[in-house]
Structure formats: C-alpha cells, structure tokens
Amino acid sequence: MKNGKFFYIYILQSELDASRFYIGLTDDLRRRMRNHNAGRVLHTAKWRPWRLKTYIAFSDRVRAVKFERYLKSASGRAFLKKRL
C-alpha cells in the first residue's frame, strides 16, 4: 500500500427509483458522495438522491479498476443482483 491510500469501488442506489444502481471508483468516498447528491455527476444527476449501498476498499488501484470493470459486466451485474 502506497502512502496509506485506498481506492473505493462503491455501489449507489437511487432513493428516487430503487431499481437504479450506479457503480463507481474513487479515492475520496465522502467527496464523491457529495458530488453525486449535489448533481455534479452527469450520469447520476437525474436519479438523485443516492444512498451508499456498499463499498469495497482496495490498496491497489489496478485491482480496483479491474474489479469495477467486472462489476459493470453482465456477469458482475448478475453477481450483484444475487448478493444485494
């Protein structure tokens, strides 16, 4: 782990439409949540407010990116649907 920094894969659920989810990656989860709920993120502004459903912290950015990509794939979405 470099400099104690973590990379977070997070899953949001819309409070407006509970069937809407968003998967993202950030190194500052609190700031990113504020941006989503303030409407400053183009892909999520329409469905706000959002609540944090779950997150996973990685110390390796490359692994975090790979896991985010997996979750956004068809098999990753099926995995989430079964477990969330």
PDB file of N, CA and C in Angstrom:
ATOM      1  N   MET A   1       0.855  -1.179   0.000  1.00  0.00           N
ATOM      2  CA  MET A   1       0.000   0.000   0.000  1.00  0.00           C
ATOM      3  C   MET A   1       0.894   1.233   0.000  1.00  0.00           C
ATOM      4  N   LYS A   2       0.655   2.128  -0.923  1.00  0.00           N
ATOM      5  CA  LYS A   2       1.448   3.347  -1.041  1.00  0.00           C
ATOM      6  C   LYS A   2       0.771   4.490  -0.295  1.00  0.00           C
ATOM      7  N   ASN A   3       1.486   5.095   0.622  1.00  0.00           N
ATOM      8  CA  ASN A   3       1.011   6.281   1.342  1.00  0.00           C
ATOM      9  C   ASN A   3      -0.305   6.065   2.096  1.00  0.00           C
ATOM     10  N   GLY A   4      -0.690   4.831   2.384  1.00  0.00           N
ATOM     11  CA  GLY A   4      -1.911   4.577   3.125  1.00  0.00           C
ATOM     12  C   GLY A   4      -3.174   4.935   2.378  1.00  0.00           C
ATOM     13  N   LYS A   5      -3.097   5.078   1.074  1.00  0.00           N
ATOM     14  CA  LYS A   5      -4.238   5.494   0.271  1.00  0.00           C
ATOM     15  C   LYS A   5      -5.054   4.288  -0.167  1.00  0.00           C
ATOM     16  N   PHE A   6      -6.367   4.446  -0.121  1.00  0.00           N
ATOM     17  CA  PHE A   6      -7.266   3.400  -0.572  1.00  0.00           C
ATOM     18  C   PHE A   6      -8.056   3.872  -1.785  1.00  0.00           C
ATOM     19  N   PHE A   7      -8.490   2.911  -2.566  1.00  0.00           N
ATOM     20  CA  PHE A   7      -9.342   3.150  -3.729  1.00  0.00           C
ATOM     21  C   PHE A   7     -10.628   2.387  -3.471  1.00  0.00           C
ATOM     22  N   TYR A   8     -11.738   3.074  -3.609  1.00  0.00           N
ATOM     23  CA  TYR A   8     -13.029   2.507  -3.246  1.00  0.00           C
ATOM     24  C   TYR A   8     -13.878   2.224  -4.477  1.00  0.00           C
ATOM     25  N   ILE A   9     -14.362   0.997  -4.567  1.00  0.00           N
ATOM     26  CA  ILE A   9     -15.407   0.650  -5.516  1.00  0.00           C
ATOM     27  C   ILE A   9     -16.687   0.802  -4.708  1.00  0.00           C
ATOM     28  N   TYR A  10     -17.608   1.592  -5.210  1.00  0.00           N
ATOM     29  CA  TYR A  10     -18.824   1.841  -4.444  1.00  0.00           C
ATOM     30  C   TYR A  10     -20.051   1.589  -5.303  1.00  0.00           C
ATOM     31  N   ILE A  11     -21.126   1.234  -4.631  1.00  0.00           N
ATOM     32  CA  ILE A  11     -22.398   0.989  -5.304  1.00  0.00           C
ATOM     33  C   ILE A  11     -23.434   1.882  -4.654  1.00  0.00           C
ATOM     34  N   LEU A  12     -24.065   2.687  -5.492  1.00  0.00           N
ATOM     35  CA  LEU A  12     -25.113   3.588  -5.028  1.00  0.00           C
ATOM     36  C   LEU A  12     -26.463   3.062  -5.473  1.00  0.00           C
ATOM     37  N   GLN A  13     -27.479   3.372  -4.684  1.00  0.00           N
ATOM     38  CA  GLN A  13     -28.850   3.063  -5.050  1.00  0.00           C
ATOM     39  C   GLN A  13     -29.647   4.352  -4.993  1.00  0.00           C
ATOM     40  N   SER A  14     -30.420   4.586  -6.031  1.00  0.00           N
ATOM     41  CA  SER A  14     -31.234   5.796  -6.091  1.00  0.00           C
ATOM     42  C   SER A  14     -32.371   5.716  -5.082  1.00  0.00           C
ATOM     43  N   GLU A  15     -32.597   6.799  -4.362  1.00  0.00           N
ATOM     44  CA  GLU A  15     -33.749   6.861  -3.457  1.00  0.00           C
ATOM     45  C   GLU A  15     -35.009   7.231  -4.236  1.00  0.00           C
ATOM     46  N   LEU A  16     -34.845   7.760  -5.427  1.00  0.00           N
ATOM     47  CA  LEU A  16     -35.961   8.122  -6.296  1.00  0.00           C
ATOM     48  C   LEU A  16     -36.533   6.877  -6.984  1.00  0.00           C
ATOM     49  N   ASP A  17     -35.652   5.969  -7.395  1.00  0.00           N
ATOM     50  CA  ASP A  17     -36.036   4.734  -8.085  1.00  0.00           C
ATOM     51  C   ASP A  17     -35.112   3.625  -7.598  1.00  0.00           C
ATOM     52  N   ALA A  18     -35.600   2.802  -6.687  1.00  0.00           N
ATOM     53  CA  ALA A  18     -34.781   1.776  -6.034  1.00  0.00           C
ATOM     54  C   ALA A  18     -34.210   0.740  -6.998  1.00  0.00           C
ATOM     55  N   SER A  19     -34.684   0.708  -8.242  1.00  0.00           N
ATOM     56  CA  SER A  19     -34.128  -0.237  -9.213  1.00  0.00           C
ATOM     57  C   SER A  19     -32.892   0.339  -9.912  1.00  0.00           C
ATOM     58  N   ARG A  20     -32.555   1.609  -9.622  1.00  0.00           N
ATOM     59  CA  ARG A  20     -31.394   2.265 -10.236  1.00  0.00           C
ATOM     60  C   ARG A  20     -30.172   2.139  -9.338  1.00  0.00           C
ATOM     61  N   PHE A  21     -29.098   1.618  -9.923  1.00  0.00           N
ATOM     62  CA  PHE A  21     -27.829   1.490  -9.214  1.00  0.00           C
ATOM     63  C   PHE A  21     -26.735   2.163 -10.024  1.00  0.00           C
ATOM     64  N   TYR A  22     -25.674   2.566  -9.339  1.00  0.00           N
ATOM     65  CA  TYR A  22     -24.509   3.143 -10.009  1.00  0.00           C
ATOM     66  C   TYR A  22     -23.278   2.542  -9.353  1.00  0.00           C
ATOM     67  N   ILE A  23     -22.319   2.142 -10.179  1.00  0.00           N
ATOM     68  CA  ILE A  23     -21.061   1.572  -9.698  1.00  0.00           C
ATOM     69  C   ILE A  23     -19.952   2.542 -10.064  1.00  0.00           C
ATOM     70  N   GLY A  24     -19.115   2.887  -9.097  1.00  0.00           N
ATOM     71  CA  GLY A  24     -18.040   3.834  -9.365  1.00  0.00           C
ATOM     72  C   GLY A  24     -16.770   3.508  -8.613  1.00  0.00           C
ATOM     73  N   LEU A  25     -15.742   4.290  -8.891  1.00  0.00           N
ATOM     74  CA  LEU A  25     -14.417   4.138  -8.290  1.00  0.00           C
ATOM     75  C   LEU A  25     -13.938   5.521  -7.872  1.00  0.00           C
ATOM     76  N   THR A  26     -13.399   5.633  -6.670  1.00  0.00           N
ATOM     77  CA  THR A  26     -12.886   6.909  -6.181  1.00  0.00           C
ATOM     78  C   THR A  26     -11.822   6.670  -5.121  1.00  0.00           C
ATOM     79  N   ASP A  27     -11.045   7.698  -4.831  1.00  0.00           N
ATOM     80  CA  ASP A  27     -10.110   7.621  -3.709  1.00  0.00           C
ATOM     81  C   ASP A  27     -10.575   8.511  -2.554  1.00  0.00           C
ATOM     82  N   ASP A  28     -11.734   9.163  -2.730  1.00  0.00           N
ATOM     83  CA  ASP A  28     -12.320  10.001  -1.677  1.00  0.00           C
ATOM     84  C   ASP A  28     -13.839   9.786  -1.688  1.00  0.00           C
ATOM     85  N   LEU A  29     -14.282   8.801  -0.950  1.00  0.00           N
ATOM     86  CA  LEU A  29     -15.681   8.377  -0.983  1.00  0.00           C
ATOM     87  C   LEU A  29     -16.644   9.457  -0.492  1.00  0.00           C
ATOM     88  N   ARG A  30     -16.299  10.144   0.558  1.00  0.00           N
ATOM     89  CA  ARG A  30     -17.192  11.194   1.085  1.00  0.00           C
ATOM     90  C   ARG A  30     -17.393  12.321   0.074  1.00  0.00           C
ATOM     91  N   ARG A  31     -16.298  12.781  -0.524  1.00  0.00           N
ATOM     92  CA  ARG A  31     -16.404  13.849  -1.522  1.00  0.00           C
ATOM     93  C   ARG A  31     -17.221  13.385  -2.725  1.00  0.00           C
ATOM     94  N   ARG A  32     -16.980  12.155  -3.157  1.00  0.00           N
ATOM     95  CA  ARG A  32     -17.697  11.630  -4.321  1.00  0.00           C
ATOM     96  C   ARG A  32     -19.196  11.534  -4.048  1.00  0.00           C
ATOM     97  N   MET A  33     -19.576  11.103  -2.850  1.00  0.00           N
ATOM     98  CA  MET A  33     -20.997  11.036  -2.471  1.00  0.00           C
ATOM     99  C   MET A  33     -21.632  12.429  -2.493  1.00  0.00           C
ATOM    100  N   ARG A  34     -20.915  13.409  -1.975  1.00  0.00           N
ATOM    101  CA  ARG A  34     -21.427  14.793  -2.003  1.00  0.00           C
ATOM    102  C   ARG A  34     -21.647  15.250  -3.442  1.00  0.00           C
ATOM    103  N   ASN A  35     -20.702  14.927  -4.317  1.00  0.00           N
ATOM    104  CA  ASN A  35     -20.820  15.322  -5.732  1.00  0.00           C
ATOM    105  C   ASN A  35     -22.009  14.639  -6.404  1.00  0.00           C
ATOM    106  N   HIS A  36     -22.211  13.357  -6.139  1.00  0.00           N
ATOM    107  CA  HIS A  36     -23.360  12.648  -6.718  1.00  0.00           C
ATOM    108  C   HIS A  36     -24.666  13.292  -6.257  1.00  0.00           C
ATOM    109  N   ASN A  37     -24.788  13.544  -4.972  1.00  0.00           N
ATOM    110  CA  ASN A  37     -26.045  14.055  -4.431  1.00  0.00           C
ATOM    111  C   ASN A  37     -26.264  15.543  -4.701  1.00  0.00           C
ATOM    112  N   ALA A  38     -25.211  16.243  -5.083  1.00  0.00           N
ATOM    113  CA  ALA A  38     -25.352  17.656  -5.450  1.00  0.00           C
ATOM    114  C   ALA A  38     -25.660  17.810  -6.938  1.00  0.00           C
ATOM    115  N   GLY A  39     -25.687  16.709  -7.667  1.00  0.00           N
ATOM    116  CA  GLY A  39     -25.986  16.767  -9.093  1.00  0.00           C
ATOM    117  C   GLY A  39     -24.798  17.123  -9.958  1.00  0.00           C
ATOM    118  N   ARG A  40     -23.583  17.030  -9.415  1.00  0.00           N
ATOM    119  CA  ARG A  40     -22.377  17.393 -10.169  1.00  0.00           C
ATOM    120  C   ARG A  40     -21.796  16.239 -10.980  1.00  0.00           C
ATOM    121  N   VAL A  41     -22.480  15.084 -10.985  1.00  0.00           N
ATOM    122  CA  VAL A  41     -22.031  13.936 -11.776  1.00  0.00           C
ATOM    123  C   VAL A  41     -23.101  13.685 -12.842  1.00  0.00           C
ATOM    124  N   LEU A  42     -22.728  13.879 -14.081  1.00  0.00           N
ATOM    125  CA  LEU A  42     -23.668  13.817 -15.199  1.00  0.00           C
ATOM    126  C   LEU A  42     -24.497  12.531 -15.216  1.00  0.00           C
ATOM    127  N   HIS A  43     -23.860  11.387 -15.012  1.00  0.00           N
ATOM    128  CA  HIS A  43     -24.549  10.104 -15.136  1.00  0.00           C
ATOM    129  C   HIS A  43     -25.523   9.797 -13.994  1.00  0.00           C
ATOM    130  N   THR A  44     -25.429  10.535 -12.899  1.00  0.00           N
ATOM    131  CA  THR A  44     -26.296  10.226 -11.762  1.00  0.00           C
ATOM    132  C   THR A  44     -27.229  11.359 -11.362  1.00  0.00           C
ATOM    133  N   ALA A  45     -27.079  12.520 -11.950  1.00  0.00           N
ATOM    134  CA  ALA A  45     -27.853  13.700 -11.532  1.00  0.00           C
ATOM    135  C   ALA A  45     -29.357  13.472 -11.611  1.00  0.00           C
ATOM    136  N   LYS A  46     -29.808  12.777 -12.638  1.00  0.00           N
ATOM    137  CA  LYS A  46     -31.243  12.591 -12.868  1.00  0.00           C
ATOM    138  C   LYS A  46     -31.923  11.741 -11.790  1.00  0.00           C
ATOM    139  N   TRP A  47     -31.182  10.846 -11.155  1.00  0.00           N
ATOM    140  CA  TRP A  47     -31.782   9.878 -10.229  1.00  0.00           C
ATOM    141  C   TRP A  47     -31.468  10.149  -8.768  1.00  0.00           C
ATOM    142  N   ARG A  48     -30.976  11.339  -8.465  1.00  0.00           N
ATOM    143  CA  ARG A  48     -30.638  11.635  -7.066  1.00  0.00           C
ATOM    144  C   ARG A  48     -31.883  11.898  -6.248  1.00  0.00           C
ATOM    145  N   PRO A  49     -31.822  11.766  -4.960  1.00  0.00           N
ATOM    146  CA  PRO A  49     -30.634  11.490  -4.144  1.00  0.00           C
ATOM    147  C   PRO A  49     -30.241  10.008  -4.176  1.00  0.00           C
ATOM    148  N   TRP A  50     -28.969   9.806  -3.873  1.00  0.00           N
ATOM    149  CA  TRP A  50     -28.387   8.467  -3.849  1.00  0.00           C
ATOM    150  C   TRP A  50     -28.008   8.093  -2.430  1.00  0.00           C
ATOM    151  N   ARG A  51     -28.066   6.798  -2.164  1.00  0.00           N
ATOM    152  CA  ARG A  51     -27.534   6.318  -0.882  1.00  0.00           C
ATOM    153  C   ARG A  51     -26.498   5.263  -1.179  1.00  0.00           C
ATOM    154  N   LEU A  52     -25.522   5.195  -0.310  1.00  0.00           N
ATOM    155  CA  LEU A  52     -24.438   4.234  -0.455  1.00  0.00           C
ATOM    156  C   LEU A  52     -24.946   2.863  -0.056  1.00  0.00           C
ATOM    157  N   LYS A  53     -24.948   1.943  -0.999  1.00  0.00           N
ATOM    158  CA  LYS A  53     -25.413   0.578  -0.744  1.00  0.00           C
ATOM    159  C   LYS A  53     -24.280  -0.242  -0.124  1.00  0.00           C
ATOM    160  N   THR A  54     -23.089  -0.171  -0.744  1.00  0.00           N
ATOM    161  CA  THR A  54     -21.922  -0.857  -0.205  1.00  0.00           C
ATOM    162  C   THR A  54     -20.667  -0.298  -0.853  1.00  0.00           C
ATOM    163  N   TYR A  55     -19.526  -0.599  -0.272  1.00  0.00           N
ATOM    164  CA  TYR A  55     -18.253  -0.221  -0.881  1.00  0.00           C
ATOM    165  C   TYR A  55     -17.187  -1.229  -0.487  1.00  0.00           C
ATOM    166  N   ILE A  56     -16.149  -1.287  -1.303  1.00  0.00           N
ATOM    167  CA  ILE A  56     -15.019  -2.176  -1.059  1.00  0.00           C
ATOM    168  C   ILE A  56     -13.762  -1.343  -1.229  1.00  0.00           C
ATOM    169  N   ALA A  57     -12.859  -1.429  -0.268  1.00  0.00           N
ATOM    170  CA  ALA A  57     -11.609  -0.664  -0.314  1.00  0.00           C
ATOM    171  C   ALA A  57     -10.477  -1.544  -0.835  1.00  0.00           C
ATOM    172  N   PHE A  58      -9.707  -0.986  -1.743  1.00  0.00           N
ATOM    173  CA  PHE A  58      -8.530  -1.650  -2.300  1.00  0.00           C
ATOM    174  C   PHE A  58      -7.312  -0.783  -2.030  1.00  0.00           C
ATOM    175  N   SER A  59      -6.184  -1.411  -1.757  1.00  0.00           N
ATOM    176  CA  SER A  59      -4.946  -0.651  -1.603  1.00  0.00           C
ATOM    177  C   SER A  59      -4.215  -0.551  -2.938  1.00  0.00           C
ATOM    178  N   ASP A  60      -4.650  -1.309  -3.930  1.00  0.00           N
ATOM    179  CA  ASP A  60      -4.023  -1.348  -5.251  1.00  0.00           C
ATOM    180  C   ASP A  60      -5.012  -0.819  -6.300  1.00  0.00           C
ATOM    181  N   ARG A  61      -4.674   0.296  -6.930  1.00  0.00           N
ATOM    182  CA  ARG A  61      -5.589   0.919  -7.890  1.00  0.00           C
ATOM    183  C   ARG A  61      -5.883   0.012  -9.090  1.00  0.00           C
ATOM    184  N   VAL A  62      -4.890  -0.712  -9.568  1.00  0.00           N
ATOM    185  CA  VAL A  62      -5.085  -1.589 -10.727  1.00  0.00           C
ATOM    186  C   VAL A  62      -6.126  -2.662 -10.405  1.00  0.00           C
ATOM    187  N   ARG A  63      -6.043  -3.240  -9.228  1.00  0.00           N
ATOM    188  CA  ARG A  63      -7.036  -4.243  -8.827  1.00  0.00           C
ATOM    189  C   ARG A  63      -8.423  -3.629  -8.683  1.00  0.00           C
ATOM    190  N   ALA A  64      -8.481  -2.419  -8.165  1.00  0.00           N
ATOM    191  CA  ALA A  64      -9.770  -1.729  -8.017  1.00  0.00           C
ATOM    192  C   ALA A  64     -10.408  -1.494  -9.380  1.00  0.00           C
ATOM    193  N   VAL A  65      -9.620  -1.048 -10.348  1.00  0.00           N
ATOM    194  CA  VAL A  65     -10.130  -0.791 -11.698  1.00  0.00           C
ATOM    195  C   VAL A  65     -10.650  -2.085 -12.314  1.00  0.00           C
ATOM    196  N   LYS A  66      -9.896  -3.173 -12.140  1.00  0.00           N
ATOM    197  CA  LYS A  66     -10.320  -4.465 -12.697  1.00  0.00           C
ATOM    198  C   LYS A  66     -11.625  -4.940 -12.061  1.00  0.00           C
ATOM    199  N   PHE A  67     -11.761  -4.747 -10.748  1.00  0.00           N
ATOM    200  CA  PHE A  67     -12.982  -5.185 -10.072  1.00  0.00           C
ATOM    201  C   PHE A  67     -14.173  -4.323 -10.489  1.00  0.00           C
ATOM    202  N   GLU A  68     -13.957  -3.020 -10.645  1.00  0.00           N
ATOM    203  CA  GLU A  68     -15.030  -2.146 -11.123  1.00  0.00           C
ATOM    204  C   GLU A  68     -15.488  -2.594 -12.512  1.00  0.00           C
ATOM    205  N   ARG A  69     -14.532  -2.880 -13.382  1.00  0.00           N
ATOM    206  CA  ARG A  69     -14.860  -3.328 -14.741  1.00  0.00           C
ATOM    207  C   ARG A  69     -15.661  -4.626 -14.694  1.00  0.00           C
ATOM    208  N   TYR A  70     -15.277  -5.540 -13.804  1.00  0.00           N
ATOM    209  CA  TYR A  70     -16.022  -6.794 -13.651  1.00  0.00           C
ATOM    210  C   TYR A  70     -17.461  -6.515 -13.208  1.00  0.00           C
ATOM    211  N   LEU A  71     -17.642  -5.672 -12.198  1.00  0.00           N
ATOM    212  CA  LEU A  71     -18.988  -5.387 -11.689  1.00  0.00           C
ATOM    213  C   LEU A  71     -19.880  -4.750 -12.739  1.00  0.00           C
ATOM    214  N   LYS A  72     -19.291  -4.025 -13.684  1.00  0.00           N
ATOM    215  CA  LYS A  72     -20.064  -3.387 -14.740  1.00  0.00           C
ATOM    216  C   LYS A  72     -20.355  -4.334 -15.904  1.00  0.00           C
ATOM    217  N   SER A  73     -19.775  -5.529 -15.878  1.00  0.00           N
ATOM    218  CA  SER A  73     -20.026  -6.526 -16.926  1.00  0.00           C
ATOM    219  C   SER A  73     -21.334  -7.253 -16.620  1.00  0.00           C
ATOM    220  N   ALA A  74     -21.815  -8.028 -17.573  1.00  0.00           N
ATOM    221  CA  ALA A  74     -23.061  -8.785 -17.377  1.00  0.00           C
ATOM    222  C   ALA A  74     -22.935  -9.759 -16.212  1.00  0.00           C
ATOM    223  N   SER A  75     -21.832 -10.475 -16.126  1.00  0.00           N
ATOM    224  CA  SER A  75     -21.682 -11.435 -15.023  1.00  0.00           C
ATOM    225  C   SER A  75     -21.512 -10.721 -13.686  1.00  0.00           C
ATOM    226  N   GLY A  76     -20.867  -9.561 -13.694  1.00  0.00           N
ATOM    227  CA  GLY A  76     -20.719  -8.785 -12.468  1.00  0.00           C
ATOM    228  C   GLY A  76     -22.048  -8.239 -11.978  1.00  0.00           C
ATOM    229  N   ARG A  77     -22.874  -7.798 -12.898  1.00  0.00           N
ATOM    230  CA  ARG A  77     -24.219  -7.316 -12.518  1.00  0.00           C
ATOM    231  C   ARG A  77     -25.069  -8.460 -11.972  1.00  0.00           C
ATOM    232  N   ALA A  78     -24.938  -9.645 -12.565  1.00  0.00           N
ATOM    233  CA  ALA A  78     -25.662 -10.816 -12.053  1.00  0.00           C
ATOM    234  C   ALA A  78     -25.188 -11.149 -10.643  1.00  0.00           C
ATOM    235  N   PHE A  79     -23.880 -11.074 -10.417  1.00  0.00           N
ATOM    236  CA  PHE A  79     -23.290 -11.300  -9.094  1.00  0.00           C
ATOM    237  C   PHE A  79     -23.904 -10.335  -8.076  1.00  0.00           C
ATOM    238  N   LEU A  80     -23.968  -9.051  -8.435  1.00  0.00           N
ATOM    239  CA  LEU A  80     -24.535  -8.044  -7.516  1.00  0.00           C
ATOM    240  C   LEU A  80     -26.016  -8.274  -7.265  1.00  0.00           C
ATOM    241  N   LYS A  81     -26.741  -8.611  -8.299  1.00  0.00           N
ATOM    242  CA  LYS A  81     -28.176  -8.827  -8.157  1.00  0.00           C
ATOM    243  C   LYS A  81     -28.481  -9.947  -7.155  1.00  0.00           C
ATOM    244  N   LYS A  82     -27.651 -10.990  -7.170  1.00  0.00           N
ATOM    245  CA  LYS A  82     -27.838 -12.115  -6.238  1.00  0.00           C
ATOM    246  C   LYS A  82     -27.483 -11.725  -4.811  1.00  0.00           C
ATOM    247  N   ARG A  83     -26.509 -10.817  -4.655  1.00  0.00           N
ATOM    248  CA  ARG A  83     -25.959 -10.551  -3.323  1.00  0.00           C
ATOM    249  C   ARG A  83     -26.409  -9.253  -2.688  1.00  0.00           C
ATOM    250  N   LEU A  84     -27.006  -8.375  -3.464  1.00  0.00           N
ATOM    251  CA  LEU A  84     -27.511  -7.123  -2.877  1.00  0.00           C
ATOM    252  C   LEU A  84     -28.992  -7.228  -2.796  1.00  0.00           C
TER     253      LEU A  84
END
